[in-house]
Each structure stands twice: as C-alpha cells, then as structure tokens.
Amino acid sequence: MFQDFFTYSHLAGFLSGLAGLVFFGWIVFQTRSWYILKYFLWRMFHGKGGITDPVIKSYLGEQSSLMLFRFVAVDAETNKDARGMIRWAKSKNISLETVGRAGDYFDPELRCIKEKKVRWLKFDKRAFGTLSVFFMVVMLPVLLTFATYRAILIFNSSGRWFLLGQDSAKAIFVWSSEEFDRDQCTQPKLGDVAKTKFTPGDAASICKLWPDPKITAYIEKTVHEQRVAGGWVLLLLGLFSFRCWRGSGQANAALKVHDKLSTSDKHEKLTSAESQR
C-alpha cells in the first residue's frame, strides 16, 4: 500500500553524496589542484604521523603554502609567482585580497582584468546577485520539512504532493486547497473532494492508509527521513546561493580592480609625461 507513494526522503543518500562531491569539487576548483584532496585522503586512511624526511617535508610545506595562497588570494603557478604577485600589488597600491576576490575575472599572467570580460562585469554582478536571492527563496519551502510533523508524500500515479497526518491530509503546491479529514472517508462520495484538490482516486488511496496499524510508525519514520533529506537540500541550495553570491562579489571586486588599475596607469603615464618635460 505504501509503495503507491514516493517521498523525497528517498533521495537522502544521493543528496549527501552530491553535497560532499560539490564541496570537494569547489576546493579543487578554487586551488586548481588535487593536492588538498589527496592530502586529506592520505591523512584519513594513513594516519596523522609526521613526515621525517626534511626535503620532502619542506617541499610539501611549500605546496601547502602555495595552495593556501591560491585559496585566499589569486592563482599562481609557483611560490616565486606568488611572491611576485605580492610585490606587484604593493607597487600598484591595490589590495591583494580584492584582487583575489575578482577570481577568474583576473588574469594572473597579464595582471589585469580579462579584456573580454570587462564589459560583462556589471551584468554578471546583477545576474549572480539575482540568482543568489532566487536560491534563498527556494530554500523557504524546504524549511517546511522541519516545521511540519506530517509526512510529505507524492502520488506515483498523479504526481500530487501532499501532507499526510494521522487524521488529515492536505495537498500542497496548489492554490486554496482545503484539508481532507479522516471523517470524510465515511461520507458519500468522500465528501466534497474537489475543494481539497485531490482526485477521487487519490482520496480513496488516502482513506485506505489511515486504518493501517503501521500508519503511525510510517509517518514518524518518513518525517525523520524527510528532515534529513531536507537538511541536505538546504545545504546544496545554500552552496549554490553562496556560489552565486560569491560570483556577484567577484564581479564587483573585478570592477574595483579594473578601476583601480585604470587610475594607476593614468597616474603613471601622467607622472612619466611630467618627468620628461
């Protein structure tokens, strides 16, 4: 009988794996290297024992420093490049943190904002900001999984989403639906089903559930599972929202870097012209 319904709590395992994959994928993307992931796996399976060889230990220390610089600042191939980037930022009187926030908009080799992306900066700033707000809005109905003590089910036949309690059911994601009470199961034609937005077939299926002695345990188990699944969904939506918010911040930082470099270049040219007089 319960196989007639699908719950999105069935996706909990998949969502947990996806969340972990997104998290580690973001780290690899941010550092441009598999080093941190490999190091984490090594520490997890091999232990936390220190490295005794001084040459290897020094090399890994340099790699860790480079990965950290990439993570918090900008992309750099070597530690020498990282130190050169620091000197350049000081010479331009520009915050390396701001340059780092520009992300992929910044070209570390030419040390400027990529020319092809300059004209899109304002658009990207608004678009990513809008998407970030959109994902946050989508998170609101997911919070329903924590606020309700009723099971969120989906009819396999009709695809109707609804909340199932021990004495009532309510269709969701539809306008102005009324509660379908257990008492209506004994009424002619199941009472006024039309106002509940359930089809007669859906209502009949719900009425078959309530007399089942396993219904209480089923609802409690489903509520617990849907809260776990809802947590993973919130995490993923939060990651997407954060990534879009960060994209908007990167575009904004790129605008600042571009303006700062343009002002700096104009100042240098003016100073050079005056010195030649």
Protein backbone atom coordinates (compact mmCIF):
# COMPACT_ATOMS: atom_id res chain seq x y z
CA MET A 1 0.00 0.00 0.00
CA PHE A 2 2.77 2.42 0.94
CA GLN A 3 4.52 1.71 -2.35
CA ASP A 4 1.90 3.87 -4.07
CA PHE A 5 3.75 6.91 -2.73
CA PHE A 6 7.16 8.44 -3.20
CA THR A 7 8.93 10.60 -0.63
CA TYR A 8 11.86 12.85 -1.43
CA SER A 9 13.50 11.39 1.69
CA HIS A 10 14.42 8.53 -0.64
CA LEU A 11 16.99 10.92 -2.08
CA ALA A 12 18.82 11.44 1.24
CA GLY A 13 21.73 9.14 0.40
CA PHE A 14 22.16 10.61 -3.08
CA LEU A 15 21.96 14.17 -1.77
CA SER A 16 24.56 13.54 0.95
CA GLY A 17 26.99 12.15 -1.63
CA LEU A 18 26.27 15.03 -4.00
CA ALA A 19 26.88 17.59 -1.24
CA GLY A 20 30.27 16.03 -0.45
CA LEU A 21 31.17 15.94 -4.15
CA VAL A 22 30.21 19.60 -4.60
CA PHE A 23 32.24 20.59 -1.53
CA PHE A 24 35.44 18.83 -2.61
CA GLY A 25 34.89 19.92 -6.23
CA TRP A 26 34.76 23.52 -5.07
CA ILE A 27 38.05 23.11 -3.16
CA VAL A 28 39.75 21.55 -6.21
CA PHE A 29 38.38 24.32 -8.45
CA GLN A 30 39.47 27.03 -6.04
CA THR A 31 43.02 25.73 -5.55
CA ARG A 32 43.48 24.48 -9.15
CA SER A 33 44.97 21.32 -7.68
CA TRP A 34 44.12 17.88 -6.34
CA TYR A 35 46.78 18.31 -3.68
CA ILE A 36 44.47 19.14 -0.75
CA LEU A 37 42.06 16.30 -1.59
CA LYS A 38 44.90 13.79 -1.90
CA TYR A 39 46.45 15.06 1.34
CA PHE A 40 43.11 14.78 3.13
CA LEU A 41 42.59 11.20 1.92
CA TRP A 42 46.14 10.30 2.93
CA ARG A 43 45.67 11.67 6.42
CA MET A 44 42.29 9.98 6.75
CA PHE A 45 43.44 6.48 5.74
CA HIS A 46 47.12 6.51 6.68
CA GLY A 47 47.04 8.49 9.89
CA LYS A 48 48.45 11.75 11.18
CA GLY A 49 52.06 10.67 11.51
CA GLY A 50 54.62 13.34 10.66
CA ILE A 51 57.00 13.23 7.69
CA THR A 52 60.57 12.54 8.75
CA ASP A 53 62.44 13.30 5.50
CA PRO A 54 63.38 17.03 5.70
CA VAL A 55 63.49 17.56 1.90
CA ILE A 56 60.05 16.03 1.35
CA LYS A 57 58.66 17.85 4.37
CA SER A 58 59.98 21.17 3.05
CA TYR A 59 58.54 20.50 -0.41
CA LEU A 60 55.10 19.64 0.96
CA GLY A 61 55.25 22.72 3.18
CA GLU A 62 55.86 24.88 0.11
CA GLN A 63 53.00 23.16 -1.73
CA SER A 64 50.67 23.79 1.21
CA SER A 65 51.69 27.47 1.26
CA LEU A 66 51.06 27.75 -2.49
CA MET A 67 47.63 26.05 -2.20
CA LEU A 68 46.71 28.39 0.66
CA PHE A 69 47.80 31.42 -1.39
CA ARG A 70 45.62 30.22 -4.28
CA PHE A 71 42.70 29.62 -1.93
CA VAL A 72 42.74 33.02 -0.21
CA ALA A 73 44.35 35.18 -2.89
CA VAL A 74 44.97 34.55 -6.61
CA ASP A 75 46.14 31.75 -8.86
CA ALA A 76 49.90 31.32 -9.04
CA GLU A 77 51.95 28.54 -10.61
CA THR A 78 54.83 28.66 -8.16
CA ASN A 79 55.79 30.26 -4.87
CA LYS A 80 58.02 32.61 -6.86
CA ASP A 81 54.98 33.77 -8.84
CA ALA A 82 53.06 34.26 -5.60
CA ARG A 83 55.80 36.47 -4.17
CA GLY A 84 55.92 38.44 -7.43
CA MET A 85 52.16 38.97 -7.22
CA ILE A 86 52.55 40.35 -3.71
CA ARG A 87 55.22 42.83 -4.86
CA TRP A 88 53.06 43.88 -7.82
CA ALA A 89 50.04 44.54 -5.61
CA LYS A 90 52.15 46.73 -3.33
CA SER A 91 53.55 48.67 -6.30
CA LYS A 92 50.01 49.32 -7.59
CA ASN A 93 48.74 50.21 -4.13
CA ILE A 94 45.97 47.66 -4.53
CA SER A 95 44.72 45.13 -2.01
CA LEU A 96 45.71 41.59 -2.91
CA GLU A 97 42.56 40.46 -1.12
CA THR A 98 40.46 42.49 -3.57
CA VAL A 99 42.41 41.01 -6.49
CA GLY A 100 41.77 37.55 -5.08
CA ARG A 101 38.04 38.20 -4.79
CA ALA A 102 37.98 39.01 -8.52
CA GLY A 103 38.51 35.28 -9.13
CA ASP A 104 38.53 34.15 -12.77
CA TYR A 105 37.99 37.70 -13.98
CA PHE A 106 41.62 38.42 -13.15
CA ASP A 107 44.44 37.31 -15.46
CA PRO A 108 47.43 36.46 -13.22
CA GLU A 109 49.87 36.47 -16.16
CA LEU A 110 48.90 39.87 -17.59
CA ARG A 111 47.94 41.08 -14.11
CA CYS A 112 44.77 42.78 -15.21
CA ILE A 113 41.07 42.04 -15.62
CA LYS A 114 40.50 39.89 -18.69
CA GLU A 115 39.61 42.20 -21.53
CA LYS A 116 36.80 40.00 -22.88
CA LYS A 117 35.04 40.04 -19.51
CA VAL A 118 35.28 43.74 -18.68
CA ARG A 119 32.08 44.72 -20.48
CA TRP A 120 30.13 41.94 -18.75
CA LEU A 121 31.12 42.83 -15.19
CA LYS A 122 28.05 44.92 -14.31
CA PHE A 123 25.71 42.37 -15.90
CA ASP A 124 27.37 39.47 -14.06
CA LYS A 125 27.18 41.34 -10.79
CA ARG A 126 23.41 41.78 -11.11
CA ALA A 127 22.73 38.32 -12.60
CA PHE A 128 24.65 36.38 -9.95
CA GLY A 129 23.09 38.51 -7.22
CA THR A 130 19.61 37.74 -8.55
CA LEU A 131 20.35 34.01 -8.72
CA SER A 132 21.65 34.07 -5.16
CA VAL A 133 18.39 35.60 -3.94
CA PHE A 134 16.43 33.09 -6.05
CA PHE A 135 18.12 30.10 -4.38
CA MET A 136 17.48 31.62 -0.96
CA VAL A 137 13.78 31.99 -1.82
CA VAL A 138 13.67 28.35 -2.97
CA MET A 139 15.08 27.37 0.43
CA LEU A 140 11.96 28.71 2.18
CA PRO A 141 9.54 25.89 1.19
CA VAL A 142 12.26 23.35 2.04
CA LEU A 143 12.10 24.65 5.61
CA LEU A 144 8.60 23.13 5.64
CA THR A 145 10.26 19.76 6.20
CA PHE A 146 11.43 20.97 9.62
CA ALA A 147 8.23 22.81 10.58
CA THR A 148 5.72 20.03 9.85
CA TYR A 149 5.02 16.84 11.76
CA ARG A 150 3.22 15.35 8.77
CA ALA A 151 4.77 13.18 6.08
CA ILE A 152 5.41 14.80 2.70
CA LEU A 153 4.32 12.28 0.08
CA ILE A 154 3.89 12.20 -3.68
CA PHE A 155 1.35 10.06 -5.52
CA ASN A 156 3.16 7.88 -8.04
CA SER A 157 0.06 7.91 -10.26
CA SER A 158 -0.90 11.59 -10.34
CA GLY A 159 2.29 13.25 -9.10
CA ARG A 160 0.30 15.21 -6.49
CA TRP A 161 2.31 16.39 -3.49
CA PHE A 162 0.53 16.30 -0.15
CA LEU A 163 0.97 16.28 3.62
CA LEU A 164 -0.24 13.19 5.44
CA GLY A 165 -1.10 13.19 9.13
CA GLN A 166 -2.86 10.59 11.26
CA ASP A 167 -6.25 12.29 10.87
CA SER A 168 -5.92 14.65 7.90
CA ALA A 169 -4.20 15.23 4.58
CA LYS A 170 -3.60 18.40 2.60
CA ALA A 171 -2.49 18.94 -0.99
CA ILE A 172 0.48 21.28 -1.30
CA PHE A 173 1.93 23.45 -4.07
CA VAL A 174 -1.64 24.26 -5.20
CA TRP A 175 -3.83 27.32 -4.59
CA SER A 176 -6.50 27.33 -1.85
CA SER A 177 -6.68 23.64 -1.03
CA GLU A 178 -8.71 22.55 1.97
CA GLU A 179 -7.89 19.80 4.45
CA PHE A 180 -9.10 16.29 3.66
CA ASP A 181 -10.21 14.85 7.01
CA ARG A 182 -10.44 11.23 8.03
CA ASP A 183 -14.15 11.68 8.70
CA GLN A 184 -14.76 12.39 5.01
CA CYS A 185 -13.87 8.79 4.19
CA THR A 186 -17.24 7.71 5.61
CA GLN A 187 -19.24 10.36 3.76
CA PRO A 188 -20.96 9.77 0.40
CA LYS A 189 -18.51 10.29 -2.47
CA LEU A 190 -15.81 11.08 0.14
CA GLY A 191 -17.38 14.44 0.94
CA ASP A 192 -16.50 17.47 -1.16
CA VAL A 193 -13.19 16.22 -2.59
CA ALA A 194 -12.95 18.95 -5.22
CA LYS A 195 -12.13 21.62 -2.63
CA THR A 196 -9.22 19.54 -1.34
CA LYS A 197 -7.64 19.38 -4.83
CA PHE A 198 -7.42 15.60 -4.54
CA THR A 199 -8.87 13.39 -7.25
CA PRO A 200 -11.41 10.78 -6.07
CA GLY A 201 -8.78 8.13 -6.70
CA ASP A 202 -6.20 9.97 -4.57
CA ALA A 203 -8.72 10.44 -1.77
CA ALA A 204 -9.66 6.75 -1.85
CA SER A 205 -5.98 5.77 -1.60
CA ILE A 206 -5.51 8.04 1.43
CA CYS A 207 -8.59 6.52 3.09
CA LYS A 208 -7.04 3.07 2.73
CA LEU A 209 -3.92 4.23 4.58
CA TRP A 210 -5.48 5.50 7.81
CA PRO A 211 -6.87 2.16 9.10
CA ASP A 212 -3.47 0.51 8.62
CA PRO A 213 -1.88 -0.20 12.05
CA LYS A 214 1.54 0.73 10.64
CA ILE A 215 0.49 4.25 9.63
CA THR A 216 1.78 5.96 12.80
CA ALA A 217 5.23 4.36 12.56
CA TYR A 218 5.31 5.08 8.82
CA ILE A 219 4.55 8.79 9.32
CA GLU A 220 7.11 9.16 12.11
CA LYS A 221 9.81 7.39 10.07
CA THR A 222 9.04 9.45 6.97
CA VAL A 223 9.10 12.73 8.90
CA HIS A 224 12.52 11.86 10.33
CA GLU A 225 13.90 10.89 6.92
CA GLN A 226 12.46 13.95 5.16
CA ARG A 227 14.12 16.22 7.72
CA VAL A 228 17.47 14.57 6.99
CA ALA A 229 16.87 14.90 3.25
CA GLY A 230 15.65 18.47 3.74
CA GLY A 231 18.87 19.29 5.54
CA TRP A 232 20.92 18.07 2.57
CA VAL A 233 18.70 20.00 0.15
CA LEU A 234 19.17 23.16 2.22
CA LEU A 235 22.91 22.56 2.24
CA LEU A 236 23.06 22.21 -1.55
CA LEU A 237 20.81 25.23 -2.13
CA GLY A 238 22.92 27.15 0.35
CA LEU A 239 26.07 26.19 -1.57
CA PHE A 240 24.51 27.28 -4.86
CA SER A 241 23.30 30.54 -3.31
CA PHE A 242 26.73 31.16 -1.80
CA ARG A 243 28.44 30.45 -5.13
CA CYS A 244 26.18 32.93 -6.92
CA TRP A 245 26.64 35.49 -4.15
CA ARG A 246 30.38 34.96 -4.47
CA GLY A 247 30.13 35.33 -8.26
CA SER A 248 28.40 38.66 -7.76
CA GLY A 249 31.14 39.65 -5.31
CA GLN A 250 33.82 38.60 -7.79
CA ALA A 251 32.30 40.77 -10.50
CA ASN A 252 32.11 43.67 -8.06
CA ALA A 253 35.73 43.14 -6.98
CA ALA A 254 36.79 42.93 -10.63
CA LEU A 255 35.14 46.30 -11.26
CA LYS A 256 37.11 47.78 -8.38
CA VAL A 257 40.38 46.25 -9.59
CA HIS A 258 39.76 47.43 -13.15
CA ASP A 259 39.01 50.99 -11.99
CA LYS A 260 42.00 50.96 -9.65
CA LEU A 261 44.39 49.75 -12.35
CA SER A 262 43.00 52.24 -14.87
CA THR A 263 43.54 55.07 -12.40
CA SER A 264 47.02 53.78 -11.56
CA ASP A 265 48.00 53.53 -15.25
CA LYS A 266 46.74 57.06 -15.93
CA HIS A 267 48.69 58.33 -12.94
CA GLU A 268 51.87 56.57 -14.10
CA LYS A 269 51.51 57.98 -17.62
CA LEU A 270 50.92 61.49 -16.24
CA THR A 271 53.92 61.19 -13.95
CA SER A 272 56.08 59.91 -16.82
CA ALA A 273 54.97 62.75 -19.11
CA GLU A 274 55.73 65.37 -16.47
CA SER A 275 59.18 63.91 -15.79
CA GLN A 276 60.06 64.12 -19.50
CA ARG A 277 59.33 67.84 -19.66
